[in-house]
Amino acid sequence: MDFSPAEIVAGFVVSTVGGGFFIYGKKQQRWPQLVAGLAMMIGPCLGGGAAATWVLGVLSVLGVWLASRIGW
């Protein structure tokens, strides 16, 4: 595979934030953060380009925010 610098940076940033969500969700037993963290760590490995990785990250963070707003 040929990765562009944009894909590498997007994957690194989104995976790092996903790792933080995963660790927080595991320690606090919070399912939305745990699931979003897993998705953000695995998603960039599946490919799809830098834009798709950024969209995955934004949608995951938005999902965690919405889940916390409704009381999960």
N, C-alpha and C. Protein backbone atom coordinates (compact mmCIF):
# COMPACT_ATOMS: atom_id res chain seq x y z
N MET A 1 0.83 -1.19 0.00
CA MET A 1 0.00 0.00 0.00
C MET A 1 0.87 1.24 0.00
N ASP A 2 0.37 2.26 -0.64
CA ASP A 2 1.09 3.53 -0.71
C ASP A 2 0.30 4.56 0.11
N PHE A 3 0.86 4.96 1.23
CA PHE A 3 0.20 5.91 2.10
C PHE A 3 0.73 7.31 1.86
N SER A 4 -0.17 8.26 1.78
CA SER A 4 0.24 9.65 1.65
C SER A 4 0.51 10.21 3.05
N PRO A 5 1.26 11.30 3.13
CA PRO A 5 1.50 11.90 4.44
C PRO A 5 0.20 12.32 5.14
N ALA A 6 -0.79 12.75 4.39
CA ALA A 6 -2.07 13.15 4.98
C ALA A 6 -2.76 11.96 5.64
N GLU A 7 -2.71 10.80 5.01
CA GLU A 7 -3.31 9.60 5.60
C GLU A 7 -2.59 9.18 6.86
N ILE A 8 -1.28 9.29 6.86
CA ILE A 8 -0.49 8.90 8.03
C ILE A 8 -0.79 9.82 9.21
N VAL A 9 -0.83 11.13 8.97
CA VAL A 9 -1.12 12.09 10.03
C VAL A 9 -2.54 11.90 10.56
N ALA A 10 -3.51 11.76 9.65
CA ALA A 10 -4.90 11.56 10.06
C ALA A 10 -5.05 10.29 10.87
N GLY A 11 -4.43 9.21 10.42
CA GLY A 11 -4.51 7.95 11.15
C GLY A 11 -3.86 8.05 12.52
N PHE A 12 -2.73 8.73 12.61
CA PHE A 12 -2.05 8.88 13.90
C PHE A 12 -2.89 9.69 14.88
N VAL A 13 -3.42 10.81 14.43
CA VAL A 13 -4.19 11.68 15.33
C VAL A 13 -5.47 10.98 15.78
N VAL A 14 -6.21 10.42 14.85
CA VAL A 14 -7.49 9.78 15.19
C VAL A 14 -7.25 8.55 16.07
N SER A 15 -6.23 7.76 15.78
CA SER A 15 -5.93 6.59 16.60
C SER A 15 -5.48 6.97 18.00
N THR A 16 -4.72 8.06 18.12
CA THR A 16 -4.27 8.51 19.43
C THR A 16 -5.44 8.96 20.29
N VAL A 17 -6.34 9.74 19.72
CA VAL A 17 -7.53 10.16 20.45
C VAL A 17 -8.39 8.93 20.78
N GLY A 18 -8.49 8.00 19.85
CA GLY A 18 -9.23 6.76 20.10
C GLY A 18 -8.63 5.94 21.23
N GLY A 19 -7.31 5.92 21.32
CA GLY A 19 -6.67 5.22 22.43
C GLY A 19 -7.01 5.85 23.76
N GLY A 20 -7.06 7.18 23.79
CA GLY A 20 -7.45 7.87 25.01
C GLY A 20 -8.89 7.56 25.40
N PHE A 21 -9.79 7.57 24.41
CA PHE A 21 -11.19 7.22 24.67
C PHE A 21 -11.29 5.79 25.18
N PHE A 22 -10.54 4.88 24.56
CA PHE A 22 -10.61 3.48 24.96
C PHE A 22 -10.14 3.28 26.39
N ILE A 23 -9.02 3.88 26.75
CA ILE A 23 -8.49 3.74 28.11
C ILE A 23 -9.46 4.34 29.12
N TYR A 24 -9.98 5.53 28.81
CA TYR A 24 -10.95 6.16 29.72
C TYR A 24 -12.20 5.30 29.86
N GLY A 25 -12.72 4.81 28.75
CA GLY A 25 -13.93 3.99 28.79
C GLY A 25 -13.74 2.69 29.55
N LYS A 26 -12.55 2.11 29.41
CA LYS A 26 -12.27 0.86 30.12
C LYS A 26 -12.15 1.10 31.63
N LYS A 27 -11.44 2.15 32.02
CA LYS A 27 -11.24 2.41 33.45
C LYS A 27 -12.52 2.87 34.14
N GLN A 28 -13.32 3.67 33.46
CA GLN A 28 -14.54 4.21 34.05
C GLN A 28 -15.77 3.35 33.75
N GLN A 29 -15.59 2.28 33.00
CA GLN A 29 -16.68 1.40 32.57
C GLN A 29 -17.77 2.18 31.84
N ARG A 30 -17.34 2.99 30.89
CA ARG A 30 -18.24 3.79 30.05
C ARG A 30 -18.24 3.20 28.65
N TRP A 31 -19.35 2.58 28.26
CA TRP A 31 -19.44 1.91 26.98
C TRP A 31 -19.33 2.83 25.77
N PRO A 32 -19.93 4.01 25.76
CA PRO A 32 -19.80 4.85 24.55
C PRO A 32 -18.35 5.21 24.25
N GLN A 33 -17.58 5.56 25.28
CA GLN A 33 -16.18 5.91 25.06
C GLN A 33 -15.37 4.69 24.64
N LEU A 34 -15.67 3.55 25.22
CA LEU A 34 -14.95 2.33 24.90
C LEU A 34 -15.17 1.93 23.43
N VAL A 35 -16.42 1.95 23.01
CA VAL A 35 -16.75 1.56 21.63
C VAL A 35 -16.20 2.58 20.63
N ALA A 36 -16.33 3.86 20.94
CA ALA A 36 -15.80 4.89 20.04
C ALA A 36 -14.28 4.78 19.95
N GLY A 37 -13.64 4.51 21.07
CA GLY A 37 -12.19 4.35 21.06
C GLY A 37 -11.75 3.19 20.19
N LEU A 38 -12.45 2.08 20.29
CA LEU A 38 -12.12 0.93 19.44
C LEU A 38 -12.32 1.27 17.96
N ALA A 39 -13.42 1.93 17.65
CA ALA A 39 -13.69 2.30 16.25
C ALA A 39 -12.62 3.26 15.73
N MET A 40 -12.20 4.19 16.57
CA MET A 40 -11.20 5.16 16.14
C MET A 40 -9.81 4.55 16.02
N MET A 41 -9.54 3.49 16.74
CA MET A 41 -8.24 2.83 16.61
C MET A 41 -8.22 1.85 15.44
N ILE A 42 -9.35 1.20 15.15
CA ILE A 42 -9.39 0.21 14.09
C ILE A 42 -9.70 0.84 12.73
N GLY A 43 -10.51 1.87 12.73
CA GLY A 43 -10.96 2.50 11.47
C GLY A 43 -9.85 2.94 10.54
N PRO A 44 -8.82 3.64 11.02
CA PRO A 44 -7.76 4.06 10.10
C PRO A 44 -6.99 2.90 9.47
N CYS A 45 -6.99 1.74 10.10
CA CYS A 45 -6.29 0.57 9.54
C CYS A 45 -7.04 0.00 8.33
N LEU A 46 -8.31 0.30 8.21
CA LEU A 46 -9.10 -0.25 7.12
C LEU A 46 -8.93 0.52 5.81
N GLY A 47 -8.27 1.65 5.85
CA GLY A 47 -8.04 2.42 4.64
C GLY A 47 -9.18 3.38 4.37
N GLY A 48 -9.24 3.88 3.17
CA GLY A 48 -10.30 4.78 2.79
C GLY A 48 -9.85 6.22 2.61
N GLY A 49 -8.65 6.53 2.97
CA GLY A 49 -8.13 7.87 2.75
C GLY A 49 -8.18 8.75 3.98
N ALA A 50 -7.54 9.89 3.86
CA ALA A 50 -7.44 10.82 4.98
C ALA A 50 -8.79 11.44 5.32
N ALA A 51 -9.56 11.79 4.32
CA ALA A 51 -10.86 12.42 4.58
C ALA A 51 -11.80 11.46 5.31
N ALA A 52 -11.79 10.20 4.92
CA ALA A 52 -12.64 9.21 5.59
C ALA A 52 -12.20 9.01 7.04
N THR A 53 -10.91 9.07 7.29
CA THR A 53 -10.40 8.93 8.65
C THR A 53 -10.83 10.10 9.51
N TRP A 54 -10.75 11.32 8.96
CA TRP A 54 -11.18 12.50 9.71
C TRP A 54 -12.68 12.44 9.98
N VAL A 55 -13.46 12.01 9.00
CA VAL A 55 -14.91 11.90 9.18
C VAL A 55 -15.23 10.87 10.27
N LEU A 56 -14.52 9.74 10.26
CA LEU A 56 -14.70 8.73 11.30
C LEU A 56 -14.42 9.32 12.68
N GLY A 57 -13.34 10.08 12.80
CA GLY A 57 -12.99 10.68 14.08
C GLY A 57 -14.04 11.67 14.55
N VAL A 58 -14.49 12.52 13.66
CA VAL A 58 -15.49 13.54 14.03
C VAL A 58 -16.81 12.87 14.41
N LEU A 59 -17.24 11.89 13.64
CA LEU A 59 -18.50 11.20 13.95
C LEU A 59 -18.41 10.42 15.27
N SER A 60 -17.26 9.85 15.56
CA SER A 60 -17.09 9.13 16.83
C SER A 60 -17.15 10.08 18.01
N VAL A 61 -16.47 11.21 17.91
CA VAL A 61 -16.50 12.19 19.00
C VAL A 61 -17.91 12.75 19.16
N LEU A 62 -18.59 13.02 18.06
CA LEU A 62 -19.96 13.50 18.12
C LEU A 62 -20.87 12.46 18.76
N GLY A 63 -20.67 11.18 18.44
CA GLY A 63 -21.46 10.12 19.04
C GLY A 63 -21.25 10.02 20.55
N VAL A 64 -20.00 10.17 20.99
CA VAL A 64 -19.72 10.15 22.43
C VAL A 64 -20.37 11.34 23.11
N TRP A 65 -20.30 12.49 22.47
CA TRP A 65 -20.90 13.69 23.05
C TRP A 65 -22.42 13.53 23.18
N LEU A 66 -23.05 13.01 22.12
CA LEU A 66 -24.50 12.80 22.17
C LEU A 66 -24.88 11.75 23.21
N ALA A 67 -24.10 10.68 23.32
CA ALA A 67 -24.39 9.65 24.30
C ALA A 67 -24.27 10.19 25.73
N SER A 68 -23.30 11.07 25.95
CA SER A 68 -23.16 11.65 27.29
C SER A 68 -24.27 12.65 27.58
N ARG A 69 -24.76 13.31 26.55
CA ARG A 69 -25.86 14.27 26.74
C ARG A 69 -27.17 13.59 27.11
N ILE A 70 -27.38 12.36 26.60
CA ILE A 70 -28.63 11.67 26.93
C ILE A 70 -28.49 10.80 28.17
N GLY A 71 -27.32 10.81 28.78
CA GLY A 71 -27.16 10.16 30.07
C GLY A 71 -26.50 8.81 30.07
N TRP A 72 -25.86 8.39 28.99
CA TRP A 72 -25.16 7.11 28.99
C TRP A 72 -23.86 7.23 29.68
